[in-house]
Amino acid sequence: MHKVIILGSGNIGFALALFLSKSNSYDVTVLGRKAKTLKKIQKNLKITVLKRDLEDKKSYENLLENYDTVISALPYYLNIFIAKLALKAKINYFDFTEDVKTTQAIKKIAKKAKENQVFIPQCGLAPGFISILAYSLYQQFDEVYSIKMRVGALPLNPSNKILYNLTWSTEGLINEYCNECFAIKDSKLVSTQALEGLEKFSLNGLEYEAFNTSGGLGTLCETLENKVKELNYKTIRYKGHKALMDFLINDLYLGKNKRRKILKDILEYAIPTTKEDLVLIFCTVIGKKNSLLQQKTDVRKIYNETFYSHKLSALQITTALSLCTVLDLYVNNKLKKASFIKQEDISLEDFVSNRFAQEFLEKD
């Protein structure tokens, strides 16, 4: 049985442990810092748990040697350290990171990988599944003019002026709203500003907006530069959200590196969490096929749901099951042989036919 250690016992770490342990194909251990949370996981899932100070790098000494794979569900700033530990322990490495510089560093680490050792970052929803979907649509054309990727994790019943609830890592959210974004324009890689490029649209009577955020398209710009004329990624929110975040981040300068902790404290103090959410996924590609100008669009809407008597948010479901799918494809030799695998290297056909992906992609 493939032995997996999950670092992080938060919402995503729990969902990972739930799906992998219930599959009866993986021997799962969860490492976390909160004794109460770990006790609950151990009681409900009947798996091994370990308590560690996740910020203390000494606590990881000799931790990974007895496993086949480590999955980091930790804040992005710990992932380079964990990837180096995985390299030393000669085990596989998976994560969800949206941070561009972290992914670039992990790619360099992967160049030193041992035989049959793999590093696969960005395995969640965005980055993650959205890149697999977009690249699959791209491959259906002879010539591609534009690729537009839009993803949003939204509360079903927003009740505050910001029209948002916290559904995942606050550090990751701030990263997306503050860091440099990338796109392809006129076939060349370009840098864009987070919170810019505002679009507005309606769906089923509700008004939404979308704007630039960092990291959601993963390595796709690198892969498709000089191959498409235009490519961009934007996050979907309810109309009005962007203006308030722009005020906090830019007008009050809370997006500056030294002030992001203040922004994190404000958001976590004032914005409640929720599992009553939905995930919207849009991908539109325009190009030529057999000399005809065509457009192909893939739209998906995923709701929160109960699995094995545990209510999970839509973001938990899509993020955790996306990584479970990629891991399962790797374990079953459905991925290419390489030390570093990008999300767009993964076949959409193989992805959607996997047992984990079918838990959320095959539903209405």
Protein backbone atom coordinates (compact mmCIF):
# COMPACT_ATOMS: atom_id res chain seq x y z
CA MET A 1 0.00 0.00 0.00
CA HIS A 2 1.34 3.45 -0.97
CA LYS A 3 2.39 5.32 2.18
CA VAL A 4 1.46 9.01 2.24
CA ILE A 5 2.16 11.68 4.83
CA ILE A 6 0.00 14.81 4.69
CA LEU A 7 1.57 17.90 6.23
CA GLY A 8 -1.19 20.13 7.56
CA SER A 9 -4.43 19.20 9.31
CA GLY A 10 -6.59 22.13 8.23
CA ASN A 11 -9.60 21.96 5.93
CA ILE A 12 -7.67 20.76 2.89
CA GLY A 13 -5.46 18.39 4.88
CA PHE A 14 -8.55 16.81 6.44
CA ALA A 15 -10.29 16.41 3.08
CA LEU A 16 -7.18 14.78 1.61
CA ALA A 17 -6.95 12.35 4.51
CA LEU A 18 -10.66 11.55 4.22
CA PHE A 19 -10.63 10.72 0.51
CA LEU A 20 -7.31 8.87 0.47
CA SER A 21 -8.02 6.77 3.57
CA LYS A 22 -11.54 5.84 2.44
CA SER A 23 -10.19 4.66 -0.93
CA ASN A 24 -8.48 1.74 0.85
CA SER A 25 -5.47 2.19 -1.45
CA TYR A 26 -3.34 4.48 0.70
CA ASP A 27 -1.73 4.23 4.13
CA VAL A 28 -2.26 7.78 5.40
CA THR A 29 -0.55 9.75 8.16
CA VAL A 30 -1.49 13.35 9.00
CA LEU A 31 0.90 15.77 10.66
CA GLY A 32 -0.49 18.89 12.29
CA ARG A 33 0.00 21.31 15.17
CA LYS A 34 -3.40 21.32 16.90
CA ALA A 35 -3.93 18.39 19.27
CA LYS A 36 -7.73 18.78 19.26
CA THR A 37 -7.92 18.68 15.46
CA LEU A 38 -5.59 15.69 15.23
CA LYS A 39 -7.59 13.80 17.86
CA LYS A 40 -10.75 14.38 15.83
CA ILE A 41 -9.06 13.16 12.64
CA GLN A 42 -7.73 10.07 14.38
CA LYS A 43 -11.14 9.27 15.88
CA ASN A 44 -13.11 9.79 12.66
CA LEU A 45 -10.72 8.35 10.10
CA LYS A 46 -8.81 5.77 12.15
CA ILE A 47 -5.46 6.86 10.74
CA THR A 48 -2.10 7.79 12.23
CA VAL A 49 -1.62 11.39 13.34
CA LEU A 50 1.52 13.21 14.48
CA LYS A 51 1.71 16.50 16.40
CA ARG A 52 4.49 18.90 15.43
CA ASP A 53 5.24 22.61 15.46
CA LEU A 54 4.88 23.14 11.72
CA GLU A 55 6.89 26.37 11.78
CA ASP A 56 9.86 24.71 13.55
CA LYS A 57 12.02 23.20 10.84
CA LYS A 58 13.83 21.00 13.36
CA SER A 59 10.57 19.12 13.98
CA TYR A 60 10.81 17.59 10.50
CA GLU A 61 14.14 15.82 11.07
CA ASN A 62 14.04 12.21 9.86
CA LEU A 63 10.28 12.52 9.42
CA LEU A 64 9.82 11.50 5.79
CA GLU A 65 12.09 8.48 5.41
CA ASN A 66 9.40 5.84 5.89
CA TYR A 67 6.93 7.20 3.32
CA ASP A 68 6.52 7.01 -0.44
CA THR A 69 4.97 10.46 -0.89
CA VAL A 70 4.68 13.71 1.05
CA ILE A 71 1.80 16.10 0.38
CA SER A 72 2.23 19.64 1.64
CA ALA A 73 -1.01 21.30 2.68
CA LEU A 74 1.03 23.94 4.49
CA PRO A 75 1.36 27.67 3.78
CA TYR A 76 3.31 28.28 0.56
CA TYR A 77 6.36 29.72 2.34
CA LEU A 78 7.17 26.29 3.86
CA ASN A 79 6.98 24.36 0.59
CA ILE A 80 10.53 24.90 -0.65
CA PHE A 81 11.84 23.55 2.65
CA ILE A 82 9.53 20.53 2.45
CA ALA A 83 10.54 19.86 -1.17
CA LYS A 84 14.20 19.81 -0.13
CA LEU A 85 13.37 17.33 2.64
CA ALA A 86 11.54 15.15 0.10
CA LEU A 87 14.58 15.23 -2.18
CA LYS A 88 16.84 14.16 0.67
CA ALA A 89 14.43 11.40 1.75
CA LYS A 90 14.08 10.19 -1.87
CA ILE A 91 10.28 10.37 -1.80
CA ASN A 92 7.69 12.02 -4.04
CA TYR A 93 6.44 15.54 -3.44
CA PHE A 94 3.00 17.09 -4.13
CA ASP A 95 1.55 20.46 -3.13
CA PHE A 96 -1.14 23.08 -3.91
CA THR A 97 1.02 26.20 -4.04
CA GLU A 98 -0.17 29.20 -6.02
CA ASP A 99 3.11 31.04 -5.39
CA VAL A 100 5.05 31.48 -8.64
CA LYS A 101 8.52 31.81 -7.08
CA THR A 102 7.95 28.73 -4.93
CA THR A 103 7.05 26.65 -7.98
CA GLN A 104 10.13 27.87 -9.83
CA ALA A 105 12.31 26.87 -6.88
CA ILE A 106 10.71 23.42 -6.68
CA LYS A 107 11.37 22.93 -10.39
CA LYS A 108 15.08 23.52 -9.72
CA ILE A 109 15.02 21.10 -6.80
CA ALA A 110 13.42 18.46 -9.04
CA LYS A 111 16.46 18.54 -11.34
CA LYS A 112 18.35 16.73 -8.58
CA ALA A 113 15.65 14.08 -8.13
CA LYS A 114 16.59 10.45 -7.79
CA GLU A 115 15.39 7.80 -10.24
CA ASN A 116 11.59 7.34 -10.09
CA GLN A 117 11.22 10.34 -7.77
CA VAL A 118 8.70 12.97 -8.86
CA PHE A 119 7.82 16.54 -7.86
CA ILE A 120 4.32 17.74 -8.80
CA PRO A 121 3.36 21.14 -7.37
CA GLN A 122 0.17 23.15 -8.01
CA CYS A 123 -2.18 20.14 -7.80
CA GLY A 124 -5.34 21.89 -6.65
CA LEU A 125 -8.10 23.69 -8.51
CA ALA A 126 -6.33 26.85 -9.71
CA PRO A 127 -3.51 26.24 -10.20
CA GLY A 128 -4.28 22.64 -10.99
CA PHE A 129 -7.36 21.32 -12.73
CA ILE A 130 -7.98 24.57 -14.63
CA SER A 131 -4.61 24.20 -16.41
CA ILE A 132 -5.38 20.59 -17.36
CA LEU A 133 -8.75 21.70 -18.74
CA ALA A 134 -7.38 24.72 -20.63
CA TYR A 135 -4.55 22.77 -22.24
CA SER A 136 -6.93 20.04 -23.35
CA LEU A 137 -9.12 22.62 -25.12
CA TYR A 138 -6.01 24.21 -26.64
CA GLN A 139 -5.01 20.86 -28.16
CA GLN A 140 -8.32 20.66 -30.05
CA PHE A 141 -7.38 23.57 -32.34
CA ASP A 142 -4.94 24.00 -35.21
CA GLU A 143 -4.28 27.62 -34.23
CA VAL A 144 -5.30 29.31 -30.99
CA TYR A 145 -6.05 33.01 -30.65
CA SER A 146 -7.15 33.27 -27.03
CA ILE A 147 -7.54 31.26 -23.84
CA LYS A 148 -9.58 32.74 -20.99
CA MET A 149 -9.59 30.96 -17.63
CA ARG A 150 -12.00 32.05 -14.89
CA VAL A 151 -12.36 30.37 -11.48
CA GLY A 152 -14.14 31.40 -8.30
CA ALA A 153 -14.87 29.89 -4.89
CA LEU A 154 -17.89 31.82 -3.63
CA PRO A 155 -20.14 31.73 -0.56
CA LEU A 156 -23.68 30.63 -1.38
CA ASN A 157 -25.18 33.18 0.99
CA PRO A 158 -22.90 36.22 1.33
CA SER A 159 -24.03 38.48 4.17
CA ASN A 160 -21.31 41.13 4.42
CA LYS A 161 -20.31 44.13 2.32
CA ILE A 162 -17.27 42.34 0.97
CA LEU A 163 -19.58 39.57 -0.35
CA TYR A 164 -17.08 36.91 0.65
CA ASN A 165 -16.30 34.28 3.26
CA LEU A 166 -12.95 32.67 3.98
CA THR A 167 -12.85 29.19 2.49
CA TRP A 168 -9.10 28.46 2.35
CA SER A 169 -5.66 29.73 3.38
CA THR A 170 -5.74 33.45 4.17
CA GLU A 171 -2.03 33.70 3.30
CA GLY A 172 -2.76 32.17 -0.09
CA LEU A 173 -5.68 34.53 -0.69
CA ILE A 174 -3.54 37.58 0.10
CA ASN A 175 -0.79 36.22 -2.14
CA GLU A 176 -3.22 35.98 -5.05
CA TYR A 177 -4.55 39.51 -4.50
CA CYS A 178 -1.15 41.19 -4.03
CA ASN A 179 1.52 39.43 -6.07
CA GLU A 180 2.58 39.86 -9.67
CA CYS A 181 0.34 38.21 -12.26
CA PHE A 182 1.29 36.84 -15.66
CA ALA A 183 -0.51 36.51 -18.97
CA ILE A 184 0.24 36.13 -22.66
CA LYS A 185 -0.42 39.11 -24.93
CA ASP A 186 0.56 39.25 -28.60
CA SER A 187 2.10 35.79 -28.09
CA LYS A 188 4.54 37.07 -25.43
CA LEU A 189 4.68 36.61 -21.67
CA VAL A 190 3.67 39.81 -19.90
CA SER A 191 3.36 40.91 -16.29
CA THR A 192 0.01 42.25 -15.10
CA GLN A 193 -1.23 43.84 -11.90
CA ALA A 194 -3.40 41.94 -9.41
CA LEU A 195 -6.94 43.34 -9.00
CA GLU A 196 -6.76 44.95 -12.46
CA GLY A 197 -8.50 43.85 -15.69
CA LEU A 198 -11.99 44.03 -14.20
CA GLU A 199 -14.78 42.23 -16.08
CA LYS A 200 -18.48 42.04 -15.19
CA PHE A 201 -21.00 39.38 -16.19
CA SER A 202 -24.29 37.78 -15.15
CA LEU A 203 -25.12 34.10 -14.67
CA ASN A 204 -28.53 32.74 -13.67
CA GLY A 205 -29.63 36.21 -12.57
CA LEU A 206 -26.62 36.89 -10.35
CA GLU A 207 -24.01 39.56 -11.06
CA TYR A 208 -20.34 38.62 -10.92
CA GLU A 209 -16.99 40.24 -11.60
CA ALA A 210 -13.58 38.83 -12.48
CA PHE A 211 -10.13 40.36 -12.14
CA ASN A 212 -6.45 39.47 -12.33
CA THR A 213 -5.00 37.38 -9.51
CA SER A 214 -1.61 35.77 -9.12
CA GLY A 215 -0.65 32.15 -9.64
CA GLY A 216 -3.92 30.60 -10.82
CA LEU A 217 -2.68 29.55 -14.25
CA GLY A 218 0.38 27.78 -12.89
CA THR A 219 3.04 27.14 -15.55
CA LEU A 220 0.70 27.51 -18.52
CA CYS A 221 2.17 30.83 -19.69
CA GLU A 222 5.60 29.24 -19.79
CA THR A 223 4.23 26.31 -21.79
CA LEU A 224 2.19 28.32 -24.31
CA GLU A 225 4.28 31.44 -24.90
CA ASN A 226 4.66 31.96 -28.67
CA LYS A 227 1.91 29.34 -29.23
CA VAL A 228 -1.19 31.41 -28.45
CA LYS A 229 -1.89 35.10 -29.04
CA GLU A 230 -3.67 35.74 -25.75
CA LEU A 231 -3.97 33.86 -22.46
CA ASN A 232 -5.17 35.15 -19.11
CA TYR A 233 -6.54 33.98 -15.78
CA LYS A 234 -8.96 35.85 -13.51
CA THR A 235 -10.70 35.11 -10.23
CA ILE A 236 -14.50 35.31 -10.05
CA ARG A 237 -16.21 37.15 -7.19
CA TYR A 238 -19.61 38.70 -6.57
CA LYS A 239 -19.95 42.21 -8.00
CA GLY A 240 -18.55 44.82 -5.61
CA HIS A 241 -15.91 42.65 -3.91
CA LYS A 242 -12.95 43.94 -5.90
CA ALA A 243 -13.46 47.61 -5.02
CA LEU A 244 -13.36 46.92 -1.28
CA MET A 245 -10.27 44.69 -1.53
CA ASP A 246 -8.61 47.32 -3.72
CA PHE A 247 -9.25 49.89 -0.98
CA LEU A 248 -7.64 47.67 1.68
CA ILE A 249 -4.71 46.48 -0.39
CA ASN A 250 -3.80 49.56 -2.41
CA ASP A 251 -5.36 52.64 -0.80
CA LEU A 252 -4.45 51.54 2.74
CA TYR A 253 -1.19 49.89 1.57
CA LEU A 254 -2.02 46.62 3.34
CA GLY A 255 -0.70 44.75 0.31
CA LYS A 256 2.87 45.83 1.11
CA ASN A 257 4.94 42.88 2.32
CA LYS A 258 5.49 44.27 5.82
CA ARG A 259 1.77 45.05 6.24
CA ARG A 260 0.24 41.81 4.97
CA LYS A 261 0.07 40.39 8.49
CA ILE A 262 -2.23 43.29 9.39
CA LEU A 263 -4.45 42.43 6.41
CA LYS A 264 -4.47 38.76 7.46
CA ASP A 265 -5.49 39.70 11.00
CA ILE A 266 -8.28 41.97 9.72
CA LEU A 267 -9.70 39.33 7.38
CA GLU A 268 -9.54 36.49 9.91
CA TYR A 269 -11.04 38.65 12.67
CA ALA A 270 -13.91 40.07 10.62
CA ILE A 271 -14.70 37.62 7.81
CA PRO A 272 -16.31 34.33 8.88
CA THR A 273 -15.43 30.99 7.35
CA THR A 274 -18.06 28.85 5.63
CA LYS A 275 -18.56 25.46 4.06
CA GLU A 276 -21.71 26.66 2.31
CA ASP A 277 -20.06 27.57 -0.98
CA LEU A 278 -19.82 26.78 -4.65
CA VAL A 279 -16.99 26.72 -7.17
CA LEU A 280 -17.39 28.20 -10.66
CA ILE A 281 -15.04 27.10 -13.45
CA PHE A 282 -15.05 28.71 -16.91
CA CYS A 283 -12.59 28.11 -19.71
CA THR A 284 -13.06 29.56 -23.20
CA VAL A 285 -10.73 28.99 -26.15
CA ILE A 286 -11.04 30.71 -29.55
CA GLY A 287 -9.05 29.60 -32.55
CA LYS A 288 -9.10 27.90 -35.92
CA LYS A 289 -9.85 24.27 -36.67
CA ASN A 290 -9.86 23.12 -40.30
CA SER A 291 -9.59 26.81 -41.34
CA LEU A 292 -12.82 27.71 -39.49
CA LEU A 293 -12.89 30.18 -36.59
CA GLN A 294 -14.38 28.34 -33.61
CA GLN A 295 -14.99 28.79 -29.91
CA LYS A 296 -15.07 26.04 -27.29
CA THR A 297 -16.22 26.69 -23.75
CA ASP A 298 -16.23 24.44 -20.69
CA VAL A 299 -18.36 25.60 -17.74
CA ARG A 300 -18.66 23.74 -14.45
CA LYS A 301 -20.40 24.52 -11.18
CA ILE A 302 -19.59 22.45 -8.09
CA TYR A 303 -21.41 22.72 -4.75
CA ASN A 304 -20.50 21.81 -1.19
CA GLU A 305 -21.47 18.28 -0.29
CA THR A 306 -21.34 15.62 2.41
CA PHE A 307 -18.87 12.75 1.99
CA TYR A 308 -18.67 9.86 4.45
CA SER A 309 -20.84 11.85 6.91
CA HIS A 310 -18.52 14.88 6.75
CA LYS A 311 -19.74 18.14 5.21
CA LEU A 312 -17.07 19.57 2.92
CA SER A 313 -16.96 22.90 1.15
CA ALA A 314 -16.88 22.96 -2.64
CA LEU A 315 -13.34 24.32 -2.46
CA GLN A 316 -12.25 21.50 -0.15
CA ILE A 317 -13.79 18.98 -2.53
CA THR A 318 -12.32 20.34 -5.76
CA THR A 319 -8.89 21.08 -4.29
CA ALA A 320 -8.39 17.83 -2.39
CA LEU A 321 -9.88 15.56 -5.05
CA SER A 322 -7.77 17.20 -7.75
CA LEU A 323 -4.60 16.29 -5.89
CA CYS A 324 -5.91 12.82 -5.03
CA THR A 325 -6.53 12.30 -8.75
CA VAL A 326 -3.02 13.34 -9.77
CA LEU A 327 -1.50 11.17 -7.04
CA ASP A 328 -3.63 8.21 -8.09
CA LEU A 329 -2.64 8.66 -11.74
CA TYR A 330 1.01 8.70 -10.71
CA VAL A 331 0.73 5.60 -8.52
CA ASN A 332 -1.02 3.76 -11.37
CA ASN A 333 1.62 4.78 -13.96
CA LYS A 334 -0.71 7.09 -15.90
CA LEU A 335 1.69 10.07 -15.89
CA LYS A 336 4.75 10.64 -18.03
CA LYS A 337 8.12 9.66 -16.63
CA ALA A 338 9.77 12.85 -15.41
CA SER A 339 11.19 14.34 -12.23
CA PHE A 340 9.00 17.45 -12.53
CA ILE A 341 5.46 17.34 -13.91
CA LYS A 342 3.40 20.38 -14.82
CA GLN A 343 -0.38 20.25 -14.56
CA GLU A 344 -0.77 20.65 -18.33
CA ASP A 345 1.33 17.50 -18.77
CA ILE A 346 -1.63 15.54 -17.39
CA SER A 347 -4.24 14.15 -19.79
CA LEU A 348 -7.75 15.51 -19.19
CA GLU A 349 -9.17 12.19 -20.37
CA ASP A 350 -7.15 10.29 -17.77
CA PHE A 351 -7.99 12.88 -15.12
CA VAL A 352 -11.78 12.85 -15.55
CA SER A 353 -11.92 9.05 -15.77
CA ASN A 354 -10.11 8.62 -12.45
CA ARG A 355 -12.20 7.49 -9.47
CA PHE A 356 -11.36 10.56 -7.39
CA ALA A 357 -12.14 13.13 -10.09
CA GLN A 358 -15.46 11.44 -10.81
CA GLU A 359 -16.55 12.26 -7.26
CA PHE A 360 -16.93 15.92 -8.29
CA LEU A 361 -16.74 16.17 -12.08
CA GLU A 362 -19.44 13.65 -12.94
CA LYS A 363 -22.12 15.41 -10.89
CA ASP A 364 -24.56 18.00 -12.18
